Amino acid sequence: MGPTSIDELPRRLTQWPIWLLGRLHHEGKKAIGVVLADLDMTMPQYAVLACIAEFEPLSQQQVCERLAIDRADMVGFVDHLERDLGAVDRTRDDADRRRYILTTTPKGRKLLVRADDRAARASAAYLSVLTLDEIKTMSSLATRVLAAHSE
């Protein structure tokens, strides 16, 4: 079953930009998820790997906080990235043996480049009804609202 026509959605909901953005996120995330599946990765796992690669070394808790991911879900994501894909290393923190520190492996950095390329192509295809300037404006506005409401 494909996405529902915008005309089939309740006007009571489509009048709210936040609801529309949530729906856009849901559908866009599915489009990216399809191309990441070929890499044996989900969108949340891709987000975790991207976060670790950009800000490493990080504790699992720090990744949870940056990406607003539940700690219980994080364990499964990291398990897959470490054990099945060899994309991250998870080591005990010498300063606090209860914490794990995450870093990317060379294999993980190569995987991330491939995932970035697939995500970019899927995003471009999904947003192809917009001009490049419109996409930049949409990103700028979303970033501004998120920045205004961040801690």
N, C-alpha and C. Protein backbone atom coordinates (compact mmCIF):
# COMPACT_ATOMS: atom_id res chain seq x y z
N MET A 1 0.84 -1.18 0.00
CA MET A 1 0.00 0.00 0.00
C MET A 1 0.88 1.24 0.00
N GLY A 2 0.67 2.12 -0.94
CA GLY A 2 1.47 3.33 -1.07
C GLY A 2 0.94 4.45 -0.20
N PRO A 3 1.58 5.60 -0.29
CA PRO A 3 1.13 6.75 0.49
C PRO A 3 -0.28 7.17 0.08
N THR A 4 -1.03 7.63 1.04
CA THR A 4 -2.38 8.12 0.79
C THR A 4 -2.31 9.47 0.08
N SER A 5 -3.23 9.69 -0.84
CA SER A 5 -3.30 10.98 -1.52
C SER A 5 -3.55 12.08 -0.48
N ILE A 6 -2.95 13.22 -0.69
CA ILE A 6 -3.14 14.35 0.22
C ILE A 6 -4.62 14.71 0.31
N ASP A 7 -5.38 14.47 -0.77
CA ASP A 7 -6.81 14.78 -0.77
C ASP A 7 -7.61 13.83 0.11
N GLU A 8 -7.03 12.70 0.47
CA GLU A 8 -7.73 11.72 1.30
C GLU A 8 -7.43 11.90 2.79
N LEU A 9 -6.62 12.89 3.12
CA LEU A 9 -6.29 13.15 4.52
C LEU A 9 -7.23 14.19 5.09
N PRO A 10 -7.53 14.11 6.36
CA PRO A 10 -8.44 15.09 6.97
C PRO A 10 -7.87 16.50 6.94
N ARG A 11 -8.68 17.45 6.46
CA ARG A 11 -8.25 18.85 6.43
C ARG A 11 -7.94 19.36 7.82
N ARG A 12 -8.62 18.82 8.81
CA ARG A 12 -8.36 19.22 10.19
C ARG A 12 -6.89 18.98 10.56
N LEU A 13 -6.29 17.96 9.97
CA LEU A 13 -4.88 17.66 10.23
C LEU A 13 -3.95 18.40 9.27
N THR A 14 -4.32 18.44 8.00
CA THR A 14 -3.43 19.04 7.00
C THR A 14 -3.33 20.56 7.12
N GLN A 15 -4.15 21.16 7.95
CA GLN A 15 -4.03 22.60 8.19
C GLN A 15 -2.83 22.92 9.09
N TRP A 16 -2.28 21.90 9.75
CA TRP A 16 -1.20 22.12 10.71
C TRP A 16 0.15 21.78 10.09
N PRO A 17 1.03 22.77 9.92
CA PRO A 17 2.35 22.49 9.33
C PRO A 17 3.12 21.41 10.09
N ILE A 18 3.00 21.37 11.40
CA ILE A 18 3.74 20.36 12.17
C ILE A 18 3.24 18.96 11.82
N TRP A 19 1.94 18.80 11.62
CA TRP A 19 1.43 17.48 11.24
C TRP A 19 1.94 17.12 9.85
N LEU A 20 1.93 18.08 8.94
CA LEU A 20 2.42 17.82 7.59
C LEU A 20 3.91 17.47 7.60
N LEU A 21 4.68 18.16 8.42
CA LEU A 21 6.11 17.84 8.51
C LEU A 21 6.33 16.45 9.09
N GLY A 22 5.51 16.06 10.04
CA GLY A 22 5.61 14.71 10.59
C GLY A 22 5.31 13.66 9.53
N ARG A 23 4.31 13.92 8.73
CA ARG A 23 3.95 12.99 7.66
C ARG A 23 5.06 12.95 6.60
N LEU A 24 5.60 14.11 6.27
CA LEU A 24 6.72 14.20 5.32
C LEU A 24 7.91 13.40 5.85
N HIS A 25 8.20 13.56 7.13
CA HIS A 25 9.29 12.81 7.76
C HIS A 25 9.04 11.31 7.67
N HIS A 26 7.84 10.90 8.00
CA HIS A 26 7.50 9.48 7.97
C HIS A 26 7.69 8.88 6.57
N GLU A 27 7.16 9.55 5.56
CA GLU A 27 7.24 9.04 4.20
C GLU A 27 8.66 9.11 3.65
N GLY A 28 9.37 10.21 3.93
CA GLY A 28 10.75 10.34 3.49
C GLY A 28 11.66 9.32 4.15
N LYS A 29 11.42 9.07 5.43
CA LYS A 29 12.21 8.07 6.16
C LYS A 29 12.01 6.67 5.57
N LYS A 30 10.79 6.39 5.15
CA LYS A 30 10.53 5.10 4.50
C LYS A 30 11.31 5.00 3.19
N ALA A 31 11.34 6.07 2.42
CA ALA A 31 12.05 6.07 1.13
C ALA A 31 13.54 5.82 1.34
N ILE A 32 14.12 6.46 2.33
CA ILE A 32 15.54 6.24 2.63
C ILE A 32 15.75 4.84 3.19
N GLY A 33 14.83 4.38 4.02
CA GLY A 33 14.94 3.04 4.60
C GLY A 33 15.02 1.94 3.56
N VAL A 34 14.31 2.11 2.46
CA VAL A 34 14.33 1.12 1.38
C VAL A 34 15.73 0.97 0.81
N VAL A 35 16.42 2.07 0.57
CA VAL A 35 17.75 1.99 -0.03
C VAL A 35 18.82 1.59 0.99
N LEU A 36 18.59 1.88 2.27
CA LEU A 36 19.53 1.45 3.30
C LEU A 36 19.42 -0.04 3.59
N ALA A 37 18.26 -0.61 3.32
CA ALA A 37 18.06 -2.04 3.57
C ALA A 37 19.04 -2.88 2.77
N ASP A 38 19.42 -2.42 1.60
CA ASP A 38 20.41 -3.13 0.79
C ASP A 38 21.77 -3.20 1.48
N LEU A 39 22.00 -2.30 2.42
CA LEU A 39 23.24 -2.28 3.20
C LEU A 39 23.06 -2.97 4.55
N ASP A 40 21.89 -3.59 4.75
CA ASP A 40 21.54 -4.25 6.01
C ASP A 40 21.51 -3.25 7.16
N MET A 41 20.96 -2.06 6.87
CA MET A 41 20.91 -1.00 7.85
C MET A 41 19.54 -0.33 7.82
N THR A 42 19.07 0.09 8.99
CA THR A 42 17.83 0.85 9.08
C THR A 42 18.16 2.34 9.21
N MET A 43 17.16 3.17 9.07
CA MET A 43 17.36 4.61 9.21
C MET A 43 17.90 4.96 10.61
N PRO A 44 17.34 4.41 11.70
CA PRO A 44 17.91 4.74 13.01
C PRO A 44 19.36 4.27 13.17
N GLN A 45 19.70 3.12 12.61
CA GLN A 45 21.09 2.65 12.68
C GLN A 45 22.01 3.58 11.89
N TYR A 46 21.54 4.06 10.76
CA TYR A 46 22.30 5.03 9.96
C TYR A 46 22.52 6.30 10.78
N ALA A 47 21.48 6.77 11.46
CA ALA A 47 21.60 7.98 12.27
C ALA A 47 22.61 7.79 13.39
N VAL A 48 22.59 6.63 14.03
CA VAL A 48 23.54 6.34 15.11
C VAL A 48 24.96 6.33 14.56
N LEU A 49 25.17 5.64 13.44
CA LEU A 49 26.50 5.58 12.85
C LEU A 49 26.98 6.97 12.44
N ALA A 50 26.11 7.78 11.86
CA ALA A 50 26.47 9.14 11.46
C ALA A 50 26.85 9.99 12.67
N CYS A 51 26.10 9.86 13.75
CA CYS A 51 26.38 10.62 14.96
C CYS A 51 27.73 10.22 15.56
N ILE A 52 27.98 8.94 15.65
CA ILE A 52 29.25 8.47 16.20
C ILE A 52 30.41 8.97 15.34
N ALA A 53 30.28 8.83 14.03
CA ALA A 53 31.36 9.23 13.13
C ALA A 53 31.68 10.72 13.24
N GLU A 54 30.66 11.53 13.42
CA GLU A 54 30.89 12.97 13.46
C GLU A 54 31.43 13.46 14.79
N PHE A 55 31.02 12.82 15.89
CA PHE A 55 31.36 13.35 17.21
C PHE A 55 32.18 12.40 18.08
N GLU A 56 32.70 11.33 17.51
CA GLU A 56 33.39 10.32 18.31
C GLU A 56 34.60 10.86 19.04
N PRO A 57 34.95 10.24 20.14
CA PRO A 57 34.27 9.13 20.80
C PRO A 57 33.08 9.63 21.62
N LEU A 58 32.04 8.81 21.66
CA LEU A 58 30.82 9.13 22.41
C LEU A 58 30.41 7.94 23.24
N SER A 59 29.77 8.21 24.36
CA SER A 59 29.16 7.11 25.11
C SER A 59 27.81 6.80 24.46
N GLN A 60 27.28 5.62 24.73
CA GLN A 60 25.96 5.28 24.20
C GLN A 60 24.93 6.29 24.68
N GLN A 61 25.05 6.73 25.93
CA GLN A 61 24.11 7.70 26.49
C GLN A 61 24.18 9.03 25.73
N GLN A 62 25.37 9.45 25.37
CA GLN A 62 25.51 10.71 24.62
C GLN A 62 24.83 10.60 23.25
N VAL A 63 24.94 9.45 22.60
CA VAL A 63 24.27 9.27 21.31
C VAL A 63 22.76 9.30 21.51
N CYS A 64 22.28 8.64 22.56
CA CYS A 64 20.84 8.66 22.87
C CYS A 64 20.34 10.09 23.03
N GLU A 65 21.09 10.89 23.78
CA GLU A 65 20.67 12.27 24.03
C GLU A 65 20.70 13.11 22.76
N ARG A 66 21.74 12.96 21.94
CA ARG A 66 21.85 13.77 20.72
C ARG A 66 20.74 13.44 19.72
N LEU A 67 20.36 12.15 19.64
CA LEU A 67 19.40 11.72 18.63
C LEU A 67 18.00 11.47 19.18
N ALA A 68 17.81 11.68 20.47
CA ALA A 68 16.52 11.42 21.13
C ALA A 68 16.06 9.98 20.90
N ILE A 69 16.97 9.06 21.18
CA ILE A 69 16.69 7.63 21.03
C ILE A 69 16.61 7.01 22.41
N ASP A 70 15.64 6.14 22.61
CA ASP A 70 15.50 5.42 23.87
C ASP A 70 16.70 4.51 24.10
N ARG A 71 17.18 4.45 25.34
CA ARG A 71 18.37 3.65 25.65
C ARG A 71 18.18 2.17 25.31
N ALA A 72 16.97 1.66 25.52
CA ALA A 72 16.72 0.25 25.20
C ALA A 72 16.86 -0.02 23.71
N ASP A 73 16.43 0.92 22.89
CA ASP A 73 16.57 0.77 21.44
C ASP A 73 18.04 0.90 21.02
N MET A 74 18.76 1.77 21.69
CA MET A 74 20.16 2.02 21.34
C MET A 74 20.99 0.74 21.42
N VAL A 75 20.75 -0.07 22.43
CA VAL A 75 21.52 -1.30 22.60
C VAL A 75 21.41 -2.17 21.35
N GLY A 76 20.21 -2.35 20.85
CA GLY A 76 20.01 -3.16 19.64
C GLY A 76 20.67 -2.55 18.41
N PHE A 77 20.58 -1.23 18.29
CA PHE A 77 21.21 -0.56 17.15
C PHE A 77 22.72 -0.76 17.18
N VAL A 78 23.32 -0.56 18.34
CA VAL A 78 24.77 -0.70 18.47
C VAL A 78 25.19 -2.16 18.31
N ASP A 79 24.39 -3.07 18.86
CA ASP A 79 24.69 -4.50 18.69
C ASP A 79 24.82 -4.84 17.21
N HIS A 80 23.85 -4.39 16.41
CA HIS A 80 23.86 -4.69 14.97
C HIS A 80 25.05 -4.02 14.28
N LEU A 81 25.27 -2.74 14.59
CA LEU A 81 26.39 -2.01 13.96
C LEU A 81 27.73 -2.64 14.32
N GLU A 82 27.86 -3.13 15.54
CA GLU A 82 29.12 -3.72 15.98
C GLU A 82 29.26 -5.16 15.52
N ARG A 83 28.32 -5.99 15.91
CA ARG A 83 28.43 -7.43 15.70
C ARG A 83 28.19 -7.85 14.25
N ASP A 84 27.15 -7.31 13.63
CA ASP A 84 26.76 -7.77 12.30
C ASP A 84 27.44 -7.01 11.16
N LEU A 85 27.70 -5.71 11.37
CA LEU A 85 28.27 -4.90 10.29
C LEU A 85 29.73 -4.54 10.51
N GLY A 86 30.24 -4.72 11.71
CA GLY A 86 31.63 -4.35 12.00
C GLY A 86 31.89 -2.87 11.81
N ALA A 87 30.85 -2.05 12.02
CA ALA A 87 30.94 -0.62 11.73
C ALA A 87 31.37 0.22 12.92
N VAL A 88 31.18 -0.29 14.13
CA VAL A 88 31.58 0.46 15.32
C VAL A 88 32.32 -0.44 16.29
N ASP A 89 33.15 0.18 17.09
CA ASP A 89 33.79 -0.49 18.22
C ASP A 89 33.13 0.04 19.49
N ARG A 90 32.85 -0.87 20.41
CA ARG A 90 32.25 -0.51 21.70
C ARG A 90 33.20 -1.01 22.78
N THR A 91 33.76 -0.08 23.53
CA THR A 91 34.70 -0.46 24.59
C THR A 91 34.27 0.16 25.91
N ARG A 92 34.64 -0.51 26.99
CA ARG A 92 34.35 0.01 28.33
C ARG A 92 35.14 1.30 28.54
N ASP A 93 34.50 2.25 29.18
CA ASP A 93 35.16 3.51 29.53
C ASP A 93 36.04 3.25 30.75
N ASP A 94 37.34 3.52 30.62
CA ASP A 94 38.26 3.30 31.74
C ASP A 94 37.90 4.16 32.95
N ALA A 95 37.35 5.33 32.71
CA ALA A 95 36.99 6.24 33.81
C ALA A 95 35.70 5.82 34.52
N ASP A 96 34.81 5.14 33.81
CA ASP A 96 33.53 4.70 34.39
C ASP A 96 33.16 3.38 33.73
N ARG A 97 33.46 2.29 34.40
CA ARG A 97 33.30 0.94 33.84
C ARG A 97 31.85 0.60 33.50
N ARG A 98 30.89 1.42 33.93
CA ARG A 98 29.48 1.17 33.58
C ARG A 98 29.16 1.67 32.18
N ARG A 99 30.00 2.56 31.64
CA ARG A 99 29.74 3.18 30.34
C ARG A 99 30.51 2.48 29.23
N TYR A 100 29.90 2.53 28.04
CA TYR A 100 30.59 2.09 26.83
C TYR A 100 30.91 3.31 25.98
N ILE A 101 32.08 3.28 25.36
CA ILE A 101 32.49 4.33 24.43
C ILE A 101 32.41 3.77 23.02
N LEU A 102 31.83 4.55 22.12
CA LEU A 102 31.62 4.12 20.74
C LEU A 102 32.53 4.91 19.80
N THR A 103 33.14 4.20 18.88
CA THR A 103 33.93 4.81 17.81
C THR A 103 33.63 4.05 16.52
N THR A 104 33.87 4.69 15.39
CA THR A 104 33.66 4.01 14.11
C THR A 104 34.92 3.26 13.72
N THR A 105 34.72 2.21 12.98
CA THR A 105 35.83 1.43 12.42
C THR A 105 36.07 1.90 10.99
N PRO A 106 37.20 1.54 10.40
CA PRO A 106 37.39 1.86 8.98
C PRO A 106 36.25 1.30 8.12
N LYS A 107 35.80 0.10 8.43
CA LYS A 107 34.68 -0.49 7.69
C LYS A 107 33.41 0.35 7.88
N GLY A 108 33.22 0.86 9.09
CA GLY A 108 32.06 1.70 9.37
C GLY A 108 32.09 3.02 8.61
N ARG A 109 33.28 3.60 8.49
CA ARG A 109 33.38 4.86 7.74
C ARG A 109 33.11 4.63 6.25
N LYS A 110 33.55 3.51 5.71
CA LYS A 110 33.25 3.19 4.30
C LYS A 110 31.75 2.94 4.12
N LEU A 111 31.16 2.22 5.07
CA LEU A 111 29.72 1.94 5.02
C LEU A 111 28.93 3.25 5.09
N LEU A 112 29.37 4.17 5.91
CA LEU A 112 28.68 5.45 6.05
C LEU A 112 28.71 6.24 4.75
N VAL A 113 29.81 6.22 4.04
CA VAL A 113 29.90 6.91 2.75
C VAL A 113 28.88 6.30 1.77
N ARG A 114 28.79 4.98 1.75
CA ARG A 114 27.82 4.32 0.86
C ARG A 114 26.38 4.67 1.28
N ALA A 115 26.14 4.68 2.59
CA ALA A 115 24.80 5.01 3.08
C ALA A 115 24.45 6.46 2.78
N ASP A 116 25.42 7.36 2.95
CA ASP A 116 25.20 8.78 2.63
C ASP A 116 24.78 8.95 1.18
N ASP A 117 25.47 8.25 0.29
CA ASP A 117 25.16 8.35 -1.14
C ASP A 117 23.74 7.85 -1.42
N ARG A 118 23.39 6.74 -0.84
CA ARG A 118 22.04 6.20 -1.05
C ARG A 118 20.97 7.11 -0.47
N ALA A 119 21.23 7.63 0.74
CA ALA A 119 20.26 8.53 1.37
C ALA A 119 20.10 9.81 0.54
N ALA A 120 21.20 10.32 0.01
CA ALA A 120 21.13 11.54 -0.81
C ALA A 120 20.30 11.30 -2.06
N ARG A 121 20.52 10.17 -2.72
CA ARG A 121 19.76 9.87 -3.93
C ARG A 121 18.27 9.66 -3.63
N ALA A 122 17.98 8.96 -2.54
CA ALA A 122 16.58 8.73 -2.16
C ALA A 122 15.90 10.04 -1.77
N SER A 123 16.62 10.90 -1.05
CA SER A 123 16.06 12.21 -0.67
C SER A 123 15.79 13.06 -1.90
N ALA A 124 16.74 13.08 -2.82
CA ALA A 124 16.57 13.87 -4.04
C ALA A 124 15.37 13.37 -4.84
N ALA A 125 15.22 12.07 -4.93
CA ALA A 125 14.08 11.52 -5.66
C ALA A 125 12.77 11.86 -4.97
N TYR A 126 12.74 11.73 -3.66
CA TYR A 126 11.51 12.00 -2.92
C TYR A 126 11.12 13.48 -3.01
N LEU A 127 12.11 14.35 -2.98
CA LEU A 127 11.85 15.79 -3.01
C LEU A 127 11.91 16.38 -4.41
N SER A 128 11.88 15.55 -5.42
CA SER A 128 12.07 16.01 -6.80
C SER A 128 10.98 16.96 -7.29
N VAL A 129 9.87 17.07 -6.58
CA VAL A 129 8.83 18.03 -6.97
C VAL A 129 9.20 19.45 -6.57
N LEU A 130 10.28 19.60 -5.80
CA LEU A 130 10.74 20.92 -5.36
C LEU A 130 11.99 21.32 -6.11
N THR A 131 12.20 22.64 -6.22
CA THR A 131 13.45 23.14 -6.80
C THR A 131 14.53 23.06 -5.72
N LEU A 132 15.78 23.19 -6.14
CA LEU A 132 16.89 23.19 -5.20
C LEU A 132 16.75 24.33 -4.20
N ASP A 133 16.33 25.51 -4.67
CA ASP A 133 16.12 26.65 -3.77
C ASP A 133 15.02 26.37 -2.76
N GLU A 134 13.95 25.71 -3.18
CA GLU A 134 12.87 25.38 -2.26
C GLU A 134 13.32 24.37 -1.20
N ILE A 135 14.14 23.42 -1.62
CA ILE A 135 14.69 22.45 -0.66
C ILE A 135 15.58 23.15 0.35
N LYS A 136 16.42 24.06 -0.12
CA LYS A 136 17.29 24.82 0.79
C LYS A 136 16.46 25.65 1.76
N THR A 137 15.40 26.27 1.27
CA THR A 137 14.53 27.07 2.13
C THR A 137 13.85 26.20 3.17
N MET A 138 13.34 25.06 2.76
CA MET A 138 12.69 24.13 3.69
C MET A 138 13.67 23.69 4.78
N SER A 139 14.88 23.34 4.38
CA SER A 139 15.89 22.93 5.35
C SER A 139 16.25 24.05 6.30
N SER A 140 16.39 25.26 5.76
CA SER A 140 16.74 26.42 6.58
C SER A 140 15.65 26.72 7.60
N LEU A 141 14.40 26.68 7.17
CA LEU A 141 13.29 26.95 8.09
C LEU A 141 13.19 25.88 9.17
N ALA A 142 13.34 24.63 8.79
CA ALA A 142 13.28 23.54 9.77
C ALA A 142 14.42 23.67 10.78
N THR A 143 15.60 23.99 10.29
CA THR A 143 16.76 24.15 11.17
C THR A 143 16.54 25.31 12.15
N ARG A 144 15.97 26.39 11.65
CA ARG A 144 15.71 27.57 12.50
C ARG A 144 14.71 27.24 13.61
N VAL A 145 13.64 26.54 13.28
CA VAL A 145 12.65 26.18 14.30
C VAL A 145 13.27 25.21 15.32
N LEU A 146 13.99 24.22 14.84
CA LEU A 146 14.62 23.27 15.76
C LEU A 146 15.63 23.97 16.68
N ALA A 147 16.43 24.87 16.13
CA ALA A 147 17.41 25.60 16.92
C ALA A 147 16.74 26.46 17.99
N ALA A 148 15.61 27.05 17.65
CA ALA A 148 14.89 27.90 18.61
C ALA A 148 14.33 27.10 19.78
N HIS A 149 14.10 25.81 19.56
CA HIS A 149 13.50 24.99 20.62
C HIS A 149 14.46 23.98 21.22
N SER A 150 15.74 24.09 20.88
CA SER A 150 16.71 23.17 21.46
C SER A 150 17.15 23.68 22.83
N GLU A 151 17.70 22.78 23.59
CA GLU A 151 18.07 23.11 24.97
C GLU A 151 19.30 23.97 25.02
